[in-house]
Amino acid sequence: MSKKMNFNAYISGTGFNIPERVVTNDELSNYMDTSHDWIVERTGIEERRYIDSEIGPSELSIPAVQMALKNANLQVQDIDFIIFATSTPDYYAPGSGCLLQNKMGFNNIGALDIRVQCSGFIYGLSIAEQYIKNGTYENILLVGSEVQSTAMDLTNRGRDVSVIFGDGAGAAIISKTTKDKGILSSHLHSEGKYAKELWLETPSSKKNPRVSSDMLKEGSQFLKMNGREVFKNAVKRFPEVIEECLNANDFNVNDIDLLIPHQANIRIIQMIQKKLNLETKKVYSNIQKYGNTTAASIPIALAEAYNDNLIKDNDLVVLAAFGSGFTWGSTIIKW
């Protein structure tokens, strides 16, 4: 009886794409009662990117995927499976992963959409890791892509939410290796009792019709957020889940070479850093440039950090996210 080969899953390539249109805080102050200083003080965001034409997350992700494939030295035909994380799909149905499969000419491979909002990339990594480690696939494409600008309420009613979010796409190729490197473990959680603290009510299949003029008038098609509740839970869950992945692999905080948290709010990131007693140089942040790009946030930051030579071979990299659901998770990687 032949001995079963043990495989590890590692990130062989990363890529990102952001729209060209820069939307500054000063521009937003033309639409609502806000200011550059007010937004920076509360979020750390100085600008974000918006699409400037009719483009969905599947199309927005194409340059990010092309960059990731190039960095991994792979071709479209080398990809065995697609995982697409988004909270803003092109359509209610079908999934954006299928649209991407067609637009880029992938083989007739599986395409799985996951809707875990800000935690989408972490959840996607955990799925990809299992498929790679059990030998089902050799190369998996994981995408996080969001077009949120078209769903922002750019009035005083939606001010607290609209100043935070932006558009963007990130991608990673997760590949098979027999070397001692790659994803060590992922840790996933949810607490649905907080679902309505950060949610999008309409359209809803519970309602008939799923959307009506009254609903639109009320603004239920816009994202709603209880900022205080999100902040309180985020600053608790982030350190917990980071320490969970470290403990599971017999590491401690001092072993972290780079932490890439979901880019939700600079105050949350600073609080995580303070609670874990991490040096600033060990915590990556680009929220000032792009705002919160939800499922695209971590892969964009990961690709930028790698391109800027902030990640080296054998580095211990920790990714962590918290968002709507509430959901949260972490992944620890030996690069």
Protein backbone atom coordinates (compact mmCIF):
# COMPACT_ATOMS: atom_id res chain seq x y z
CA MET A 1 0.00 0.00 0.00
CA SER A 2 1.50 3.32 -1.09
CA LYS A 3 2.06 6.02 1.49
CA LYS A 4 -0.26 9.01 1.13
CA MET A 5 1.56 12.24 0.23
CA ASN A 6 1.10 15.16 2.64
CA PHE A 7 0.39 18.45 0.91
CA ASN A 8 0.49 22.00 2.21
CA ALA A 9 -1.40 24.97 0.80
CA TYR A 10 0.56 28.15 0.12
CA ILE A 11 -0.15 31.46 -1.56
CA SER A 12 1.77 31.33 -4.84
CA GLY A 13 0.60 34.65 -6.27
CA THR A 14 -1.28 37.82 -5.27
CA GLY A 15 -2.84 40.69 -7.17
CA PHE A 16 -5.13 43.67 -6.76
CA ASN A 17 -7.07 46.22 -8.76
CA ILE A 18 -8.66 49.48 -7.72
CA PRO A 19 -10.77 51.85 -9.83
CA GLU A 20 -9.09 54.97 -11.17
CA ARG A 21 -11.62 57.41 -9.74
CA VAL A 22 -10.38 58.87 -6.45
CA VAL A 23 -13.11 60.17 -4.13
CA THR A 24 -11.70 62.47 -1.46
CA ASN A 25 -13.29 63.40 1.84
CA ASP A 26 -13.69 66.93 0.52
CA GLU A 27 -15.77 65.60 -2.38
CA LEU A 28 -18.07 63.76 0.02
CA SER A 29 -18.55 67.00 1.96
CA ASN A 30 -20.36 68.34 -1.15
CA TYR A 31 -23.05 65.70 -0.71
CA MET A 32 -23.46 65.54 3.07
CA ASP A 33 -22.65 67.37 6.26
CA THR A 34 -19.12 66.14 6.84
CA SER A 35 -15.51 67.24 6.47
CA HIS A 36 -12.06 65.83 5.78
CA ASP A 37 -10.99 66.24 9.40
CA TRP A 38 -14.19 64.63 10.77
CA ILE A 39 -13.74 61.53 8.60
CA VAL A 40 -10.00 61.17 9.26
CA GLU A 41 -10.45 61.53 13.03
CA ARG A 42 -13.13 58.83 13.21
CA THR A 43 -11.94 56.38 10.54
CA GLY A 44 -8.43 57.23 9.33
CA ILE A 45 -9.74 57.36 5.75
CA GLU A 46 -8.48 60.15 3.50
CA GLU A 47 -9.85 58.89 0.18
CA ARG A 48 -11.43 55.86 -1.43
CA ARG A 49 -12.00 54.59 -4.98
CA TYR A 50 -15.30 54.42 -6.86
CA ILE A 51 -16.04 52.80 -10.19
CA ASP A 52 -16.80 55.37 -12.89
CA SER A 53 -18.79 53.17 -15.27
CA GLU A 54 -21.14 50.20 -15.15
CA ILE A 55 -18.81 47.53 -13.85
CA GLY A 56 -19.50 44.72 -11.40
CA PRO A 57 -17.16 42.91 -8.99
CA SER A 58 -16.49 40.09 -11.46
CA GLU A 59 -15.13 42.47 -14.10
CA LEU A 60 -13.35 44.64 -11.51
CA SER A 61 -11.44 41.58 -10.34
CA ILE A 62 -10.00 40.61 -13.75
CA PRO A 63 -6.80 42.72 -13.55
CA ALA A 64 -6.25 41.47 -9.99
CA VAL A 65 -6.57 37.87 -11.16
CA GLN A 66 -4.23 38.49 -14.08
CA MET A 67 -1.63 39.95 -11.71
CA ALA A 68 -1.96 37.01 -9.31
CA LEU A 69 -1.58 34.49 -12.15
CA LYS A 70 1.51 36.29 -13.46
CA ASN A 71 3.09 36.40 -9.99
CA ALA A 72 2.38 32.68 -9.54
CA ASN A 73 3.77 31.92 -13.01
CA LEU A 74 0.49 30.22 -13.92
CA GLN A 75 -2.00 30.38 -16.77
CA VAL A 76 -5.79 30.45 -16.75
CA GLN A 77 -5.91 26.74 -17.64
CA ASP A 78 -3.86 25.87 -14.53
CA ILE A 79 -6.66 26.91 -12.17
CA ASP A 80 -8.78 24.02 -10.84
CA PHE A 81 -11.39 25.89 -8.80
CA ILE A 82 -12.68 29.44 -8.21
CA ILE A 83 -13.78 30.88 -4.87
CA PHE A 84 -15.35 34.33 -5.10
CA ALA A 85 -15.94 36.33 -1.90
CA THR A 86 -18.19 39.37 -2.20
CA SER A 87 -21.01 41.14 -0.41
CA THR A 88 -21.96 43.06 -3.57
CA PRO A 89 -22.48 40.43 -6.30
CA ASP A 90 -23.08 41.48 -9.90
CA TYR A 91 -26.56 39.96 -9.67
CA TYR A 92 -28.76 38.25 -7.09
CA ALA A 93 -28.17 35.17 -9.29
CA PRO A 94 -26.00 33.72 -10.72
CA GLY A 95 -22.85 34.10 -8.64
CA SER A 96 -19.98 36.38 -9.63
CA GLY A 97 -17.60 33.41 -9.73
CA CYS A 98 -19.45 31.96 -12.72
CA LEU A 99 -19.34 35.33 -14.46
CA LEU A 100 -15.60 35.53 -13.90
CA GLN A 101 -15.14 31.98 -15.20
CA ASN A 102 -16.77 33.00 -18.47
CA LYS A 103 -15.12 36.41 -18.84
CA MET A 104 -11.61 35.05 -18.36
CA GLY A 105 -12.08 31.78 -20.24
CA PHE A 106 -11.34 29.39 -17.38
CA ASN A 107 -12.04 25.71 -17.96
CA ASN A 108 -15.44 24.40 -16.89
CA ILE A 109 -14.27 24.27 -13.29
CA GLY A 110 -16.29 24.80 -10.13
CA ALA A 111 -17.05 28.37 -9.05
CA LEU A 112 -18.15 28.94 -5.48
CA ASP A 113 -19.46 32.28 -4.25
CA ILE A 114 -19.31 32.96 -0.52
CA ARG A 115 -21.19 35.75 1.24
CA VAL A 116 -19.43 36.39 4.52
CA GLN A 117 -18.85 40.09 3.91
CA CYS A 118 -15.67 41.44 5.56
CA SER A 119 -14.61 37.94 6.65
CA GLY A 120 -14.99 36.54 3.13
CA PHE A 121 -11.32 36.24 2.25
CA ILE A 122 -10.49 34.42 5.50
CA TYR A 123 -13.37 32.01 5.02
CA GLY A 124 -12.28 31.50 1.40
CA LEU A 125 -8.72 30.70 2.46
CA SER A 126 -9.98 28.07 4.89
CA ILE A 127 -11.98 26.38 2.11
CA ALA A 128 -9.09 26.51 -0.35
CA GLU A 129 -6.70 25.14 2.26
CA GLN A 130 -8.81 22.01 2.78
CA TYR A 131 -9.18 21.27 -0.94
CA ILE A 132 -5.43 21.63 -1.46
CA LYS A 133 -4.37 19.62 1.58
CA ASN A 134 -6.63 16.67 0.77
CA GLY A 135 -5.28 16.54 -2.78
CA THR A 136 -8.52 17.49 -4.58
CA TYR A 137 -7.02 20.52 -6.37
CA GLU A 138 -3.56 21.88 -7.14
CA ASN A 139 -4.28 25.57 -7.80
CA ILE A 140 -7.28 27.50 -6.51
CA LEU A 141 -8.16 31.08 -7.37
CA LEU A 142 -9.54 33.09 -4.44
CA VAL A 143 -11.03 36.49 -5.20
CA GLY A 144 -12.34 39.23 -2.94
CA SER A 145 -14.06 41.94 -4.94
CA GLU A 146 -16.54 44.68 -4.08
CA VAL A 147 -18.49 47.44 -5.82
CA GLN A 148 -20.05 49.28 -2.90
CA SER A 149 -20.21 52.84 -4.21
CA THR A 150 -23.43 52.19 -6.12
CA ALA A 151 -25.15 51.24 -2.85
CA MET A 152 -24.03 54.23 -0.77
CA ASP A 153 -26.57 56.74 0.55
CA LEU A 154 -24.66 59.94 -0.17
CA THR A 155 -26.89 62.10 2.04
CA ASN A 156 -26.86 63.07 5.71
CA ARG A 157 -29.06 60.05 6.39
CA GLY A 158 -26.30 57.69 5.29
CA ARG A 159 -23.28 59.75 6.33
CA ASP A 160 -21.90 57.46 9.05
CA VAL A 161 -21.74 54.50 6.64
CA SER A 162 -21.08 56.12 3.27
CA VAL A 163 -17.81 57.80 4.25
CA ILE A 164 -16.29 54.40 5.14
CA PHE A 165 -16.69 52.16 2.11
CA GLY A 166 -14.96 51.96 -1.26
CA ASP A 167 -14.57 49.73 -4.31
CA GLY A 168 -11.70 47.36 -5.09
CA ALA A 169 -10.60 43.82 -5.85
CA GLY A 170 -7.89 41.48 -4.64
CA ALA A 171 -6.91 37.96 -5.66
CA ALA A 172 -4.68 35.14 -4.49
CA ILE A 173 -3.66 31.81 -5.93
CA ILE A 174 -3.53 29.01 -3.37
CA SER A 175 -1.34 26.17 -4.60
CA LYS A 176 -0.12 22.73 -3.57
CA THR A 177 3.35 22.14 -2.17
CA THR A 178 5.21 19.42 -0.29
CA LYS A 179 7.50 22.01 1.30
CA ASP A 180 7.23 23.03 4.93
CA LYS A 181 5.41 26.32 4.34
CA GLY A 182 2.01 27.79 3.68
CA ILE A 183 -1.26 28.06 5.57
CA LEU A 184 -0.88 26.58 9.05
CA SER A 185 -4.51 26.94 10.15
CA SER A 186 -7.65 29.05 9.89
CA HIS A 187 -10.14 29.82 12.67
CA LEU A 188 -13.72 30.89 11.92
CA HIS A 189 -16.55 32.22 14.11
CA SER A 190 -19.99 33.82 13.93
CA GLU A 191 -22.57 35.33 16.29
CA GLY A 192 -25.82 35.88 14.44
CA LYS A 193 -27.62 37.68 17.26
CA TYR A 194 -25.86 40.82 16.03
CA ALA A 195 -27.05 40.41 12.43
CA LYS A 196 -29.05 43.65 12.35
CA GLU A 197 -26.22 45.75 13.77
CA LEU A 198 -24.59 45.71 10.32
CA TRP A 199 -26.98 44.67 7.60
CA LEU A 200 -28.66 45.33 4.27
CA GLU A 201 -32.39 44.77 4.63
CA THR A 202 -33.60 45.08 1.03
CA PRO A 203 -34.05 43.25 -1.30
CA SER A 204 -35.27 40.40 0.86
CA SER A 205 -36.76 37.07 -0.20
CA LYS A 206 -38.86 37.20 3.00
CA LYS A 207 -40.85 40.05 1.51
CA ASN A 208 -43.30 40.01 -1.36
CA PRO A 209 -42.44 42.00 -3.39
CA ARG A 210 -38.75 41.73 -2.54
CA VAL A 211 -38.37 45.45 -3.14
CA SER A 212 -41.00 48.20 -3.43
CA SER A 213 -41.13 51.96 -3.88
CA ASP A 214 -41.93 52.32 -0.16
CA MET A 215 -38.83 50.35 0.78
CA LEU A 216 -36.71 52.48 -1.52
CA LYS A 217 -38.21 55.64 -0.03
CA GLU A 218 -37.35 54.43 3.45
CA GLY A 219 -33.78 53.71 2.35
CA SER A 220 -33.80 50.05 3.37
CA GLN A 221 -31.70 49.24 0.27
CA PHE A 222 -28.74 51.01 1.92
CA LEU A 223 -26.31 49.39 4.34
CA LYS A 224 -27.08 50.19 7.99
CA MET A 225 -24.53 50.02 10.78
CA ASN A 226 -24.53 50.46 14.55
CA GLY A 227 -21.00 51.82 14.71
CA ARG A 228 -20.62 51.58 18.48
CA GLU A 229 -21.71 47.94 18.60
CA VAL A 230 -19.44 47.01 15.71
CA PHE A 231 -16.47 48.75 17.32
CA LYS A 232 -17.09 47.16 20.74
CA ASN A 233 -17.26 43.65 19.30
CA ALA A 234 -14.45 44.11 16.78
CA VAL A 235 -11.86 45.22 19.36
CA LYS A 236 -12.78 42.16 21.46
CA ARG A 237 -12.89 39.53 18.71
CA PHE A 238 -9.83 40.58 16.70
CA PRO A 239 -7.28 39.96 19.49
CA GLU A 240 -9.10 36.78 20.55
CA VAL A 241 -8.98 35.17 17.14
CA ILE A 242 -5.39 36.28 16.49
CA GLU A 243 -4.28 34.71 19.76
CA GLU A 244 -6.33 31.61 18.92
CA CYS A 245 -4.38 30.97 15.71
CA LEU A 246 -1.07 31.66 17.44
CA ASN A 247 -1.84 29.30 20.32
CA ALA A 248 -3.02 26.57 17.94
CA ASN A 249 0.42 26.55 16.33
CA ASP A 250 2.57 27.11 19.45
CA PHE A 251 3.50 30.68 18.61
CA ASN A 252 3.13 33.91 20.54
CA VAL A 253 2.60 37.52 19.51
CA ASN A 254 6.35 38.17 19.35
CA ASP A 255 6.63 35.59 16.55
CA ILE A 256 4.43 37.63 14.19
CA ASP A 257 6.38 39.25 11.37
CA LEU A 258 3.36 40.96 9.83
CA LEU A 259 -0.30 41.27 10.84
CA ILE A 260 -2.72 42.23 8.06
CA PRO A 261 -6.12 43.00 9.58
CA HIS A 262 -9.27 43.76 7.66
CA GLN A 263 -9.22 47.49 6.95
CA ALA A 264 -12.41 48.54 8.71
CA ASN A 265 -11.41 51.58 10.76
CA ILE A 266 -8.01 52.91 11.82
CA ARG A 267 -9.20 53.18 15.44
CA ILE A 268 -9.99 49.45 15.47
CA ILE A 269 -6.59 48.63 13.96
CA GLN A 270 -4.82 50.83 16.53
CA MET A 271 -6.74 49.18 19.36
CA ILE A 272 -5.72 45.71 18.11
CA GLN A 273 -2.10 46.83 17.96
CA LYS A 274 -2.30 48.22 21.49
CA LYS A 275 -3.98 45.14 22.97
CA LEU A 276 -1.43 42.80 21.39
CA ASN A 277 1.48 45.15 22.10
CA LEU A 278 2.66 44.98 18.50
CA GLU A 279 5.12 47.38 16.92
CA THR A 280 3.62 49.67 14.28
CA LYS A 281 5.91 48.24 11.59
CA LYS A 282 4.35 44.80 12.19
CA VAL A 283 0.79 45.96 11.45
CA TYR A 284 -0.08 46.72 7.82
CA SER A 285 -2.66 49.36 6.98
CA ASN A 286 -3.76 51.05 3.76
CA ILE A 287 -7.21 52.22 4.87
CA GLN A 288 -6.23 55.86 4.34
CA LYS A 289 -6.07 55.23 0.57
CA TYR A 290 -8.95 52.86 -0.09
CA GLY A 291 -11.38 52.91 2.84
CA ASN A 292 -13.17 49.69 3.76
CA THR A 293 -13.37 47.42 0.71
CA THR A 294 -14.98 44.57 2.67
CA ALA A 295 -14.01 41.15 1.19
CA ALA A 296 -11.37 42.84 -0.99
CA SER A 297 -9.66 44.55 1.93
CA ILE A 298 -7.26 41.80 3.05
CA PRO A 299 -6.22 40.56 -0.42
CA ILE A 300 -5.53 44.14 -1.57
CA ALA A 301 -3.42 44.77 1.53
CA LEU A 302 -1.68 41.39 1.17
CA ALA A 303 -0.76 42.07 -2.46
CA GLU A 304 0.51 45.57 -1.65
CA ALA A 305 2.54 44.36 1.32
CA TYR A 306 4.14 41.63 -0.79
CA ASN A 307 4.87 44.03 -3.65
CA ASP A 308 6.50 46.43 -1.18
CA ASN A 309 8.81 43.62 0.05
CA LEU A 310 7.28 43.66 3.52
CA ILE A 311 6.82 39.87 3.38
CA LYS A 312 9.85 37.59 3.04
CA ASP A 313 10.38 33.84 2.88
CA ASN A 314 9.71 32.12 6.21
CA ASP A 315 7.92 35.16 7.66
CA LEU A 316 4.98 34.44 9.93
CA VAL A 317 2.00 36.35 8.51
CA VAL A 318 -1.34 36.59 10.30
CA LEU A 319 -4.55 37.69 8.57
CA ALA A 320 -7.64 38.59 10.59
CA ALA A 321 -11.11 39.93 9.84
CA PHE A 322 -14.33 40.96 11.55
CA GLY A 323 -17.57 42.02 9.94
CA SER A 324 -21.27 41.67 9.29
CA GLY A 325 -22.96 38.59 10.69
CA PHE A 326 -21.21 39.10 13.04
CA THR A 327 -18.46 36.90 11.58
CA TRP A 328 -14.76 36.89 12.32
CA GLY A 329 -11.72 34.74 11.64
CA SER A 330 -7.97 34.46 11.32
CA THR A 331 -5.43 32.64 9.18
CA ILE A 332 -1.79 32.08 10.06
CA ILE A 333 0.73 31.55 7.27
CA LYS A 334 4.39 30.56 7.17
CA TRP A 335 5.45 32.39 4.02
